[in-house]
């Protein structure tokens, strides 16, 4: 018997001319969109783990992008990075990271967003020995439309 091998994946392809992003996931946490106007949403994508289901279909979602929109792509380690403070025993994975991501909507700069979540992670109990990897990528839609010249 061979051991199972699988992976999660997420990809996003940005069409700069149309200002549309196509995104798909394979067993990976849903990307988190923060609109310039402050609206927030987890992009509802579906698809099982890579290498587990032989005929798996990975749906793609087209998402319009406006100038200043930001997208967070992150690893599943964030589900365990912010411990459950309710005192309930059991599974360490929880949704508290969603609240932490929501707080990032107050920041305009992607680097400031990453720095803020990094500082927040550093003060968590057990932050030096995370249970899982923590990876975060923040992408921001350009404020200048394709082909438009910027006045000097």
Protein backbone atom coordinates (compact mmCIF):
# COMPACT_ATOMS: atom_id res chain seq x y z
CA UNK A 1 0.00 0.00 0.00
CA UNK A 2 1.35 3.45 -0.94
CA UNK A 3 0.97 6.39 1.41
CA UNK A 4 -1.43 9.09 0.25
CA UNK A 5 0.08 12.23 -1.19
CA UNK A 6 -1.97 15.34 -1.59
CA UNK A 7 -1.68 19.10 -1.63
CA UNK A 8 -3.86 22.15 -1.49
CA UNK A 9 -3.56 24.84 -4.13
CA UNK A 10 -4.93 28.21 -5.08
CA UNK A 11 -4.35 30.17 -8.24
CA UNK A 12 -5.40 33.53 -9.51
CA UNK A 13 -4.96 34.91 -13.01
CA UNK A 14 -5.48 38.64 -13.48
CA UNK A 15 -6.64 40.09 -16.79
CA UNK A 16 -5.41 43.67 -16.46
CA UNK A 17 -7.22 44.93 -19.55
CA UNK A 18 -10.63 43.68 -18.43
CA UNK A 19 -9.88 44.19 -14.69
CA UNK A 20 -11.05 40.66 -13.95
CA UNK A 21 -9.40 38.00 -11.86
CA UNK A 22 -10.06 34.29 -12.36
CA UNK A 23 -9.49 32.27 -9.20
CA UNK A 24 -9.74 28.57 -8.32
CA UNK A 25 -8.86 26.49 -5.29
CA UNK A 26 -8.14 22.83 -4.62
CA UNK A 27 -8.80 22.06 -0.97
CA UNK A 28 -7.30 25.44 -0.08
CA UNK A 29 -8.86 28.12 2.14
CA UNK A 30 -10.98 30.60 0.17
CA UNK A 31 -9.26 33.83 -0.90
CA UNK A 32 -10.35 36.90 1.09
CA UNK A 33 -11.32 39.99 -0.91
CA UNK A 34 -11.27 43.44 0.65
CA UNK A 35 -12.89 45.99 -1.63
CA UNK A 36 -11.66 49.60 -1.71
CA UNK A 37 -15.02 50.64 -0.23
CA UNK A 38 -14.42 48.37 2.79
CA UNK A 39 -16.69 45.49 1.77
CA UNK A 40 -15.23 42.09 2.61
CA UNK A 41 -15.93 38.62 1.30
CA UNK A 42 -14.45 35.16 1.16
CA UNK A 43 -14.50 34.05 -2.47
CA UNK A 44 -16.62 30.92 -2.63
CA UNK A 45 -14.58 28.45 -4.64
CA UNK A 46 -14.72 24.68 -4.66
CA UNK A 47 -12.49 21.79 -5.50
CA UNK A 48 -11.05 18.90 -3.53
CA UNK A 49 -7.46 18.27 -2.54
CA UNK A 50 -4.99 17.75 -5.39
CA UNK A 51 -4.09 14.08 -5.81
CA UNK A 52 -7.01 12.64 -3.84
CA UNK A 53 -10.02 12.56 -6.16
CA UNK A 54 -9.34 11.09 -9.59
CA UNK A 55 -11.87 13.06 -11.64
CA UNK A 56 -12.12 16.19 -9.51
CA UNK A 57 -13.45 19.33 -11.16
CA UNK A 58 -12.01 22.67 -10.08
CA UNK A 59 -14.48 25.47 -10.68
CA UNK A 60 -13.15 28.88 -11.60
CA UNK A 61 -14.67 32.09 -10.33
CA UNK A 62 -14.39 35.38 -12.24
CA UNK A 63 -14.12 38.37 -9.95
CA UNK A 64 -14.25 41.99 -11.17
CA UNK A 65 -11.50 44.20 -9.78
CA UNK A 66 -11.78 47.89 -9.00
CA UNK A 67 -8.80 50.14 -8.30
CA UNK A 68 -7.70 49.67 -4.70
CA UNK A 69 -9.28 46.23 -4.20
CA UNK A 70 -7.06 43.85 -2.22
CA UNK A 71 -6.95 40.07 -2.21
CA UNK A 72 -5.46 37.88 0.53
CA UNK A 73 -4.18 34.43 -0.40
CA UNK A 74 -3.16 32.48 2.70
CA UNK A 75 -2.28 29.03 3.98
CA UNK A 76 -4.52 26.95 6.23
CA UNK A 77 -2.17 27.54 9.17
CA UNK A 78 -4.19 30.67 9.93
CA UNK A 79 -7.07 28.44 11.08
CA UNK A 80 -4.89 27.40 14.03
CA UNK A 81 -2.84 30.56 14.50
CA UNK A 82 -5.47 32.42 16.51
CA UNK A 83 -6.52 30.13 19.38
CA UNK A 84 -10.09 29.68 20.53
CA UNK A 85 -10.42 31.78 23.68
CA UNK A 86 -13.91 30.50 24.54
CA UNK A 87 -12.43 27.72 26.70
CA UNK A 88 -13.95 24.94 24.59
CA UNK A 89 -11.77 21.86 24.24
CA UNK A 90 -11.35 20.00 20.98
CA UNK A 91 -10.22 20.95 17.52
CA UNK A 92 -7.65 23.72 17.41
CA UNK A 93 -8.78 24.96 13.99
CA UNK A 94 -11.28 27.82 14.18
CA UNK A 95 -12.55 30.88 12.34
CA UNK A 96 -10.97 33.59 14.52
CA UNK A 97 -8.55 34.39 11.71
CA UNK A 98 -11.52 35.70 9.71
CA UNK A 99 -12.03 38.41 12.32
CA UNK A 100 -8.34 39.28 12.17
CA UNK A 101 -8.45 39.51 8.37
CA UNK A 102 -11.53 41.74 8.63
CA UNK A 103 -9.61 44.22 10.76
CA UNK A 104 -7.13 44.62 7.90
CA UNK A 105 -9.75 46.41 5.79
CA UNK A 106 -8.92 49.60 7.71
CA UNK A 107 -5.46 49.63 6.10
CA UNK A 108 -4.86 50.79 2.52
CA UNK A 109 -1.35 49.52 1.87
CA UNK A 110 -0.74 45.77 1.30
CA UNK A 111 2.59 45.87 3.14
CA UNK A 112 0.90 47.55 6.13
CA UNK A 113 -1.68 44.74 6.09
CA UNK A 114 0.98 42.05 6.17
CA UNK A 115 2.93 43.89 8.89
CA UNK A 116 -0.23 44.25 11.00
CA UNK A 117 -1.15 40.57 10.83
CA UNK A 118 2.48 39.64 11.51
CA UNK A 119 2.50 41.77 14.68
CA UNK A 120 -0.82 40.25 15.72
CA UNK A 121 0.57 36.74 15.22
CA UNK A 122 3.66 37.56 17.28
CA UNK A 123 1.56 38.20 20.40
CA UNK A 124 -0.39 34.94 20.20
CA UNK A 125 0.32 32.22 22.73
CA UNK A 126 2.65 29.67 21.13
CA UNK A 127 3.62 32.04 18.32
CA UNK A 128 7.19 30.72 18.29
CA UNK A 129 5.97 27.18 17.66
CA UNK A 130 3.09 27.44 15.19
CA UNK A 131 1.18 24.21 14.60
CA UNK A 132 1.24 24.73 10.82
CA UNK A 133 2.89 26.92 8.22
CA UNK A 134 1.74 30.51 7.88
CA UNK A 135 1.91 32.10 4.46
CA UNK A 136 0.12 35.28 3.41
CA UNK A 137 0.17 37.08 0.10
CA UNK A 138 -1.65 40.37 -0.40
CA UNK A 139 -2.36 41.59 -3.94
CA UNK A 140 -3.77 45.03 -4.71
CA UNK A 141 -5.44 46.14 -7.95
CA UNK A 142 -3.52 49.01 -9.55
CA UNK A 143 -5.08 52.44 -9.31
CA UNK A 144 -4.05 53.29 -12.90
CA UNK A 145 -6.13 51.71 -15.70
CA UNK A 146 -4.20 49.82 -18.38
CA UNK A 147 -2.81 52.11 -21.04
CA UNK A 148 -3.58 55.33 -19.17
CA UNK A 149 -0.66 57.72 -18.91
CA UNK A 150 0.25 59.24 -15.57
CA UNK A 151 0.87 63.00 -15.64
CA UNK A 152 4.30 63.96 -14.30
